[in-house]
PDB file of N, CA and C in Angstrom:
ATOM      1  N   LEU A   1      -3.725 -16.917  18.901  1.00  0.00           N
ATOM      2  CA  LEU A   1      -4.759 -16.483  19.304  1.00  0.00           C
ATOM      3  C   LEU A   1      -5.623 -16.629  20.501  1.00  0.00           C
ATOM      4  N   GLN A   2      -5.365 -17.605  21.209  1.00  0.00           N
ATOM      5  CA  GLN A   2      -6.062 -17.616  22.475  1.00  0.00           C
ATOM      6  C   GLN A   2      -5.395 -16.733  23.418  1.00  0.00           C
ATOM      7  N   GLN A   3      -3.831 -16.473  23.281  1.00  0.00           N
ATOM      8  CA  GLN A   3      -3.518 -15.346  24.121  1.00  0.00           C
ATOM      9  C   GLN A   3      -3.871 -14.116  23.944  1.00  0.00           C
ATOM     10  N   TYR A   4      -4.076 -13.645  22.448  1.00  0.00           N
ATOM     11  CA  TYR A   4      -4.521 -12.722  22.254  1.00  0.00           C
ATOM     12  C   TYR A   4      -5.984 -12.390  22.971  1.00  0.00           C
ATOM     13  N   TYR A   5      -6.986 -13.106  22.725  1.00  0.00           N
ATOM     14  CA  TYR A   5      -8.334 -13.003  23.218  1.00  0.00           C
ATOM     15  C   TYR A   5      -8.422 -13.117  24.735  1.00  0.00           C
ATOM     16  N   ALA A   6      -7.345 -13.982  25.314  1.00  0.00           N
ATOM     17  CA  ALA A   6      -7.289 -13.936  26.756  1.00  0.00           C
ATOM     18  C   ALA A   6      -7.024 -12.798  27.439  1.00  0.00           C
ATOM     19  N   VAL A   7      -6.106 -11.703  26.975  1.00  0.00           N
ATOM     20  CA  VAL A   7      -5.927 -10.376  27.396  1.00  0.00           C
ATOM     21  C   VAL A   7      -6.605  -9.288  26.718  1.00  0.00           C
ATOM     22  N   ASN A   8      -7.451  -9.648  25.613  1.00  0.00           N
ATOM     23  CA  ASN A   8      -8.189  -8.815  25.217  1.00  0.00           C
ATOM     24  C   ASN A   8      -9.476  -8.769  25.952  1.00  0.00           C
ATOM     25  N   SER A   9      -9.969  -7.436  26.194  1.00  0.00           N
ATOM     26  CA  SER A   9     -11.209  -7.402  27.111  1.00  0.00           C
ATOM     27  C   SER A   9     -12.493  -7.036  26.247  1.00  0.00           C
ATOM     28  N   MET A  10     -12.172  -7.286  25.068  1.00  0.00           N
ATOM     29  CA  MET A  10     -13.436  -6.628  23.895  1.00  0.00           C
ATOM     30  C   MET A  10     -14.575  -7.531  24.285  1.00  0.00           C
ATOM     31  N   THR A  11     -15.980  -7.132  23.958  1.00  0.00           N
ATOM     32  CA  THR A  11     -17.105  -7.978  24.006  1.00  0.00           C
ATOM     33  C   THR A  11     -17.185  -8.792  22.984  1.00  0.00           C
ATOM     34  N   LEU A  12     -18.041  -9.972  22.950  1.00  0.00           N
ATOM     35  CA  LEU A  12     -18.189 -10.887  22.031  1.00  0.00           C
ATOM     36  C   LEU A  12     -18.964  -9.701  20.698  1.00  0.00           C
ATOM     37  N   GLU A  13     -19.857  -8.838  21.172  1.00  0.00           N
ATOM     38  CA  GLU A  13     -20.575  -8.008  20.283  1.00  0.00           C
ATOM     39  C   GLU A  13     -19.343  -7.347  19.469  1.00  0.00           C
ATOM     40  N   ALA A  14     -18.418  -6.666  20.031  1.00  0.00           N
ATOM     41  CA  ALA A  14     -17.241  -5.920  19.201  1.00  0.00           C
ATOM     42  C   ALA A  14     -16.359  -6.995  18.454  1.00  0.00           C
ATOM     43  N   LEU A  15     -15.992  -8.126  18.914  1.00  0.00           N
ATOM     44  CA  LEU A  15     -15.473  -9.139  18.290  1.00  0.00           C
ATOM     45  C   LEU A  15     -16.191  -9.569  17.094  1.00  0.00           C
ATOM     46  N   LEU A  16     -17.645  -9.647  17.000  1.00  0.00           N
ATOM     47  CA  LEU A  16     -18.126 -10.030  15.888  1.00  0.00           C
ATOM     48  C   LEU A  16     -18.563  -9.181  14.809  1.00  0.00           C
ATOM     49  N   THR A  17     -18.384  -7.681  15.194  1.00  0.00           N
ATOM     50  CA  THR A  17     -18.489  -6.711  14.613  1.00  0.00           C
ATOM     51  C   THR A  17     -17.081  -6.484  13.721  1.00  0.00           C
ATOM     52  N   ASN A  18     -16.103  -6.725  14.362  1.00  0.00           N
ATOM     53  CA  ASN A  18     -14.812  -6.585  13.810  1.00  0.00           C
ATOM     54  C   ASN A  18     -14.647  -7.435  12.745  1.00  0.00           C
ATOM     55  N   ILE A  19     -15.048  -8.786  13.027  1.00  0.00           N
ATOM     56  CA  ILE A  19     -15.132  -9.748  11.740  1.00  0.00           C
ATOM     57  C   ILE A  19     -16.123  -9.622  10.822  1.00  0.00           C
ATOM     58  N   ALA A  20     -17.209  -9.033  11.226  1.00  0.00           N
ATOM     59  CA  ALA A  20     -18.286  -8.705   9.920  1.00  0.00           C
ATOM     60  C   ALA A  20     -17.722  -7.632   9.105  1.00  0.00           C
ATOM     61  N   THR A  21     -16.986  -6.828   9.642  1.00  0.00           N
ATOM     62  CA  THR A  21     -16.447  -5.624   9.050  1.00  0.00           C
ATOM     63  C   THR A  21     -15.324  -5.891   8.068  1.00  0.00           C
ATOM     64  N   GLY A  22     -14.597  -6.817   8.646  1.00  0.00           N
ATOM     65  CA  GLY A  22     -13.404  -7.200   7.972  1.00  0.00           C
ATOM     66  C   GLY A  22     -13.793  -8.263   6.777  1.00  0.00           C
ATOM     67  N   MET A  23     -14.796  -8.900   6.909  1.00  0.00           N
ATOM     68  CA  MET A  23     -15.602  -9.581   5.476  1.00  0.00           C
ATOM     69  C   MET A  23     -16.180  -8.828   4.857  1.00  0.00           C
ATOM     70  N   SER A  24     -16.846  -7.945   5.226  1.00  0.00           N
ATOM     71  CA  SER A  24     -17.529  -7.007   4.226  1.00  0.00           C
ATOM     72  C   SER A  24     -16.464  -6.088   3.258  1.00  0.00           C
ATOM     73  N   LEU A  25     -15.334  -5.725   3.895  1.00  0.00           N
ATOM     74  CA  LEU A  25     -14.377  -4.988   2.940  1.00  0.00           C
ATOM     75  C   LEU A  25     -13.767  -6.023   2.263  1.00  0.00           C
ATOM     76  N   LEU A  26     -13.190  -7.077   2.867  1.00  0.00           N
ATOM     77  CA  LEU A  26     -12.647  -8.098   1.907  1.00  0.00           C
ATOM     78  C   LEU A  26     -13.766  -8.630   0.799  1.00  0.00           C
ATOM     79  N   SER A  27     -14.941  -8.765   0.850  1.00  0.00           N
ATOM     80  CA  SER A  27     -15.745  -9.104  -0.306  1.00  0.00           C
ATOM     81  C   SER A  27     -15.837  -8.031  -1.248  1.00  0.00           C
ATOM     82  N   ASP A  28     -16.068  -6.831  -0.808  1.00  0.00           N
ATOM     83  CA  ASP A  28     -16.100  -5.458  -1.547  1.00  0.00           C
ATOM     84  C   ASP A  28     -14.923  -5.551  -2.615  1.00  0.00           C
ATOM     85  N   ALA A  29     -13.741  -5.695  -1.856  1.00  0.00           N
ATOM     86  CA  ALA A  29     -12.551  -5.554  -2.562  1.00  0.00           C
ATOM     87  C   ALA A  29     -12.097  -6.440  -3.478  1.00  0.00           C
ATOM     88  N   VAL A  30     -12.570  -7.954  -3.341  1.00  0.00           N
ATOM     89  CA  VAL A  30     -12.299  -8.838  -4.004  1.00  0.00           C
ATOM     90  C   VAL A  30     -13.185  -8.904  -5.227  1.00  0.00           C
ATOM     91  N   LEU A  31     -14.668  -8.990  -4.814  1.00  0.00           N
ATOM     92  CA  LEU A  31     -15.546  -9.008  -5.829  1.00  0.00           C
ATOM     93  C   LEU A  31     -16.045  -7.713  -6.561  1.00  0.00           C
ATOM     94  N   ASP A  32     -15.672  -6.481  -6.170  1.00  0.00           N
ATOM     95  CA  ASP A  32     -16.087  -5.389  -6.699  1.00  0.00           C
ATOM     96  C   ASP A  32     -14.893  -4.770  -7.511  1.00  0.00           C
ATOM     97  N   VAL A  33     -13.791  -4.950  -6.969  1.00  0.00           N
ATOM     98  CA  VAL A  33     -12.684  -4.462  -7.595  1.00  0.00           C
ATOM     99  C   VAL A  33     -11.725  -5.087  -8.138  1.00  0.00           C
ATOM    100  N   ILE A  34     -11.360  -6.176  -7.306  1.00  0.00           N
ATOM    101  CA  ILE A  34     -10.000  -6.968  -7.934  1.00  0.00           C
ATOM    102  C   ILE A  34     -10.467  -7.874  -9.066  1.00  0.00           C
ATOM    103  N   ILE A  35     -11.573  -8.739  -8.949  1.00  0.00           N
ATOM    104  CA  ILE A  35     -12.070  -9.527 -10.256  1.00  0.00           C
ATOM    105  C   ILE A  35     -12.367  -8.585 -11.189  1.00  0.00           C
ATOM    106  N   PRO A  36     -13.153  -7.659 -11.318  1.00  0.00           N
ATOM    107  CA  PRO A  36     -13.697  -6.828 -12.369  1.00  0.00           C
ATOM    108  C   PRO A  36     -11.973  -6.482 -12.899  1.00  0.00           C
ATOM    109  N   ALA A  37     -11.154  -5.949 -12.334  1.00  0.00           N
ATOM    110  CA  ALA A  37      -9.969  -5.614 -12.925  1.00  0.00           C
ATOM    111  C   ALA A  37      -9.155  -6.323 -13.613  1.00  0.00           C
ATOM    112  N   LEU A  38      -9.200  -7.715 -13.193  1.00  0.00           N
ATOM    113  CA  LEU A  38      -8.460  -8.780 -13.771  1.00  0.00           C
ATOM    114  C   LEU A  38      -9.175  -9.362 -14.910  1.00  0.00           C
ATOM    115  N   GLN A  39     -10.584  -9.128 -14.992  1.00  0.00           N
ATOM    116  CA  GLN A  39     -11.158  -9.255 -15.998  1.00  0.00           C
ATOM    117  C   GLN A  39     -11.370  -8.409 -17.222  1.00  0.00           C
ATOM    118  N   ALA A  40     -10.809  -7.300 -16.724  1.00  0.00           N
ATOM    119  CA  ALA A  40     -10.814  -6.300 -17.768  1.00  0.00           C
ATOM    120  C   ALA A  40      -8.929  -5.934 -18.368  1.00  0.00           C
ATOM    121  N   ALA A  41      -8.205  -6.617 -17.691  1.00  0.00           N
ATOM    122  CA  ALA A  41      -6.914  -6.562 -17.968  1.00  0.00           C
ATOM    123  C   ALA A  41      -6.541  -6.888 -19.290  1.00  0.00           C
ATOM    124  N   SER A  42      -5.746  -6.085 -19.956  1.00  0.00           N
ATOM    125  CA  SER A  42      -5.685  -6.271 -21.140  1.00  0.00           C
ATOM    126  C   SER A  42      -4.091  -7.341 -21.564  1.00  0.00           C
ATOM    127  N   TYR A  43      -3.272  -7.655 -20.697  1.00  0.00           N
ATOM    128  CA  TYR A  43      -2.363  -8.426 -20.624  1.00  0.00           C
ATOM    129  C   TYR A  43      -2.707 -10.033 -20.686  1.00  0.00           C
ATOM    130  N   THR A  44      -3.312 -10.410 -19.540  1.00  0.00           N
ATOM    131  CA  THR A  44      -3.841 -11.909 -19.501  1.00  0.00           C
ATOM    132  C   THR A  44      -5.055 -11.881 -18.865  1.00  0.00           C
ATOM    133  N   PRO A  45      -6.295 -11.503 -19.374  1.00  0.00           N
ATOM    134  CA  PRO A  45      -7.611 -11.259 -18.463  1.00  0.00           C
ATOM    135  C   PRO A  45      -8.017 -12.600 -17.894  1.00  0.00           C
ATOM    136  N   LEU A  46      -8.650 -12.588 -16.784  1.00  0.00           N
ATOM    137  CA  LEU A  46      -9.322 -13.542 -16.050  1.00  0.00           C
ATOM    138  C   LEU A  46     -10.374 -13.890 -16.883  1.00  0.00           C
ATOM    139  N   SER A  47     -10.398 -15.464 -16.940  1.00  0.00           N
ATOM    140  CA  SER A  47     -11.670 -15.876 -17.851  1.00  0.00           C
ATOM    141  C   SER A  47     -12.333 -16.819 -16.814  1.00  0.00           C
ATOM    142  N   LEU A  48     -13.614 -16.618 -16.484  1.00  0.00           N
ATOM    143  CA  LEU A  48     -14.489 -17.317 -15.721  1.00  0.00           C
ATOM    144  C   LEU A  48     -15.279 -18.591 -16.766  1.00  0.00           C
ATOM    145  N   SER A  49     -15.824 -19.623 -16.084  1.00  0.00           N
ATOM    146  CA  SER A  49     -16.887 -20.393 -16.786  1.00  0.00           C
ATOM    147  C   SER A  49     -18.324 -19.473 -16.792  1.00  0.00           C
ATOM    148  N   ALA A  50     -18.911 -20.226 -17.463  1.00  0.00           N
ATOM    149  CA  ALA A  50     -20.217 -19.757 -17.604  1.00  0.00           C
ATOM    150  C   ALA A  50     -20.806 -19.752 -15.844  1.00  0.00           C
ATOM    151  N   ASP A  51     -20.755 -20.782 -15.290  1.00  0.00           N
ATOM    152  CA  ASP A  51     -21.212 -21.065 -13.879  1.00  0.00           C
ATOM    153  C   ASP A  51     -20.435 -20.380 -13.118  1.00  0.00           C
ATOM    154  N   GLN A  52     -19.148 -20.035 -13.048  1.00  0.00           N
ATOM    155  CA  GLN A  52     -18.754 -18.758 -12.271  1.00  0.00           C
ATOM    156  C   GLN A  52     -19.048 -17.748 -12.541  1.00  0.00           C
ATOM    157  N   GLN A  53     -19.136 -17.036 -13.678  1.00  0.00           N
ATOM    158  CA  GLN A  53     -19.755 -15.818 -14.040  1.00  0.00           C
ATOM    159  C   GLN A  53     -21.127 -15.737 -13.835  1.00  0.00           C
ATOM    160  N   ASN A  54     -21.886 -16.818 -13.905  1.00  0.00           N
ATOM    161  CA  ASN A  54     -23.442 -16.325 -13.092  1.00  0.00           C
ATOM    162  C   ASN A  54     -23.382 -16.335 -11.587  1.00  0.00           C
ATOM    163  N   THR A  55     -22.485 -16.952 -10.920  1.00  0.00           N
ATOM    164  CA  THR A  55     -22.487 -16.919  -9.712  1.00  0.00           C
ATOM    165  C   THR A  55     -21.988 -15.423  -8.951  1.00  0.00           C
ATOM    166  N   LEU A  56     -20.929 -15.062  -9.561  1.00  0.00           N
ATOM    167  CA  LEU A  56     -20.448 -13.628  -9.453  1.00  0.00           C
ATOM    168  C   LEU A  56     -21.630 -12.655  -9.860  1.00  0.00           C
ATOM    169  N   SER A  57     -22.402 -12.845 -11.020  1.00  0.00           N
ATOM    170  CA  SER A  57     -23.250 -11.853 -11.258  1.00  0.00           C
ATOM    171  C   SER A  57     -24.384 -11.818  -9.990  1.00  0.00           C
ATOM    172  N   ASP A  58     -24.662 -13.037  -9.621  1.00  0.00           N
ATOM    173  CA  ASP A  58     -25.769 -12.925  -8.396  1.00  0.00           C
ATOM    174  C   ASP A  58     -25.137 -12.590  -7.373  1.00  0.00           C
ATOM    175  N   ILE A  59     -23.726 -12.553  -6.892  1.00  0.00           N
ATOM    176  CA  ILE A  59     -23.230 -11.883  -5.740  1.00  0.00           C
ATOM    177  C   ILE A  59     -23.149 -10.394  -5.832  1.00  0.00           C
ATOM    178  N   LYS A  60     -23.083  -9.883  -7.145  1.00  0.00           N
ATOM    179  CA  LYS A  60     -22.904  -8.445  -7.244  1.00  0.00           C
ATOM    180  C   LYS A  60     -24.313  -7.994  -7.084  1.00  0.00           C
ATOM    181  N   ALA A  61     -25.351  -8.640  -7.651  1.00  0.00           N
ATOM    182  CA  ALA A  61     -26.534  -8.195  -7.593  1.00  0.00           C
ATOM    183  C   ALA A  61     -27.294  -8.273  -6.276  1.00  0.00           C
ATOM    184  N   ASN A  62     -26.953  -9.345  -5.532  1.00  0.00           N
ATOM    185  CA  ASN A  62     -27.705  -9.721  -4.367  1.00  0.00           C
ATOM    186  C   ASN A  62     -26.819  -9.517  -2.858  1.00  0.00           C
ATOM    187  N   LEU A  63     -25.562  -9.678  -2.890  1.00  0.00           N
ATOM    188  CA  LEU A  63     -24.736  -9.391  -1.679  1.00  0.00           C
ATOM    189  C   LEU A  63     -24.050  -8.153  -1.575  1.00  0.00           C
ATOM    190  N   LEU A  64     -23.216  -7.439  -2.747  1.00  0.00           N
ATOM    191  CA  LEU A  64     -22.787  -6.443  -2.632  1.00  0.00           C
ATOM    192  C   LEU A  64     -23.631  -5.064  -1.995  1.00  0.00           C
ATOM    193  N   PRO A  65     -24.514  -5.302  -2.790  1.00  0.00           N
ATOM    194  CA  PRO A  65     -25.420  -3.831  -2.193  1.00  0.00           C
ATOM    195  C   PRO A  65     -25.792  -3.746  -0.588  1.00  0.00           C
ATOM    196  N   SER A  66     -25.831  -5.281  -0.087  1.00  0.00           N
ATOM    197  CA  SER A  66     -26.166  -5.198   1.310  1.00  0.00           C
ATOM    198  C   SER A  66     -25.014  -5.156   2.309  1.00  0.00           C
ATOM    199  N   LEU A  67     -23.786  -5.028   1.855  1.00  0.00           N
ATOM    200  CA  LEU A  67     -22.437  -4.883   2.631  1.00  0.00           C
ATOM    201  C   LEU A  67     -22.624  -3.620   3.583  1.00  0.00           C
ATOM    202  N   PHE A  68     -22.359  -3.714   4.848  1.00  0.00           N
ATOM    203  CA  PHE A  68     -22.495  -2.371   5.478  1.00  0.00           C
ATOM    204  C   PHE A  68     -21.370  -1.282   5.244  1.00  0.00           C
ATOM    205  N   THR A  69     -20.044  -1.912   5.411  1.00  0.00           N
ATOM    206  CA  THR A  69     -18.821  -1.230   5.261  1.00  0.00           C
ATOM    207  C   THR A  69     -18.243  -1.624   4.070  1.00  0.00           C
ATOM    208  N   THR A  70     -17.786  -0.768   2.963  1.00  0.00           N
ATOM    209  CA  THR A  70     -17.369  -1.065   1.830  1.00  0.00           C
ATOM    210  C   THR A  70     -15.873  -0.298   1.774  1.00  0.00           C
ATOM    211  N   LEU A  71     -15.378  -0.186   0.596  1.00  0.00           N
ATOM    212  CA  LEU A  71     -14.105   0.605   0.431  1.00  0.00           C
ATOM    213  C   LEU A  71     -14.232   2.001  -0.107  1.00  0.00           C
ATOM    214  N   ALA A  72     -15.823   2.356  -0.482  1.00  0.00           N
ATOM    215  CA  ALA A  72     -16.274   3.498  -0.752  1.00  0.00           C
ATOM    216  C   ALA A  72     -16.698   4.460   0.807  1.00  0.00           C
ATOM    217  N   ASN A  73     -17.354   3.684   1.561  1.00  0.00           N
ATOM    218  CA  ASN A  73     -17.734   4.068   2.784  1.00  0.00           C
ATOM    219  C   ASN A  73     -16.939   4.081   4.007  1.00  0.00           C
ATOM    220  N   GLY A  74     -15.925   3.127   3.724  1.00  0.00           N
ATOM    221  CA  GLY A  74     -15.219   2.843   5.197  1.00  0.00           C
ATOM    222  C   GLY A  74     -14.747   3.956   5.976  1.00  0.00           C
ATOM    223  N   TYR A  75     -13.945   4.951   5.038  1.00  0.00           N
ATOM    224  CA  TYR A  75     -13.205   5.882   5.393  1.00  0.00           C
ATOM    225  C   TYR A  75     -13.222   7.014   4.232  1.00  0.00           C
ATOM    226  N   PRO A  76     -14.394   7.614   3.917  1.00  0.00           N
ATOM    227  CA  PRO A  76     -14.465   8.449   2.639  1.00  0.00           C
ATOM    228  C   PRO A  76     -13.476   9.581   2.750  1.00  0.00           C
ATOM    229  N   SER A  77     -12.892   9.890   1.524  1.00  0.00           N
ATOM    230  CA  SER A  77     -11.870  11.089   1.518  1.00  0.00           C
ATOM    231  C   SER A  77     -12.611  12.211   1.869  1.00  0.00           C
ATOM    232  N   GLY A  78     -11.984  12.938   2.835  1.00  0.00           N
ATOM    233  CA  GLY A  78     -12.606  14.235   3.336  1.00  0.00           C
ATOM    234  C   GLY A  78     -13.566  14.245   4.331  1.00  0.00           C
ATOM    235  N   GLY A  79     -13.934  12.728   4.726  1.00  0.00           N
ATOM    236  CA  GLY A  79     -14.796  12.392   5.588  1.00  0.00           C
ATOM    237  C   GLY A  79     -14.542  11.932   6.912  1.00  0.00           C
ATOM    238  N   SER A  80     -15.149  11.448   7.580  1.00  0.00           N
ATOM    239  CA  SER A  80     -14.876  10.585   9.034  1.00  0.00           C
ATOM    240  C   SER A  80     -15.218   9.246   8.964  1.00  0.00           C
ATOM    241  N   LYS A  81     -14.080   8.398   9.541  1.00  0.00           N
ATOM    242  CA  LYS A  81     -14.575   6.893   9.454  1.00  0.00           C
ATOM    243  C   LYS A  81     -15.562   6.464  10.097  1.00  0.00           C
ATOM    244  N   GLN A  82     -16.087   5.357   9.438  1.00  0.00           N
ATOM    245  CA  GLN A  82     -17.421   4.530   9.557  1.00  0.00           C
ATOM    246  C   GLN A  82     -17.224   4.019  10.979  1.00  0.00           C
ATOM    247  N   MET A  83     -18.017   4.022  12.053  1.00  0.00           N
ATOM    248  CA  MET A  83     -17.830   3.602  13.240  1.00  0.00           C
ATOM    249  C   MET A  83     -17.229   2.268  13.288  1.00  0.00           C
ATOM    250  N   GLN A  84     -17.918   1.373  12.573  1.00  0.00           N
ATOM    251  CA  GLN A  84     -17.112  -0.222  12.647  1.00  0.00           C
ATOM    252  C   GLN A  84     -15.846  -0.154  11.849  1.00  0.00           C
ATOM    253  N   TYR A  85     -15.402   0.772  10.991  1.00  0.00           N
ATOM    254  CA  TYR A  85     -14.206   0.722  10.411  1.00  0.00           C
ATOM    255  C   TYR A  85     -13.090   1.368  11.453  1.00  0.00           C
TER     256      TYR A  85
END
């Protein structure tokens, strides 16, 4: 990593934007797509404890709506890529 950043002339703002975009996409994919799919799976559904389900519900209600780059808007079909993406 040290070598990569030593030869990479990106600004701190660009690096932080890249990290935030990656975290936003990862959060959206895991919390809004993968976990619900595993919970709905008919073979071995994912079961969460009441505490885990409560936290997941809170994240869906309060965190996911504020993500700026998601799987739905990062590169929409027939559209153009979001600048951060």
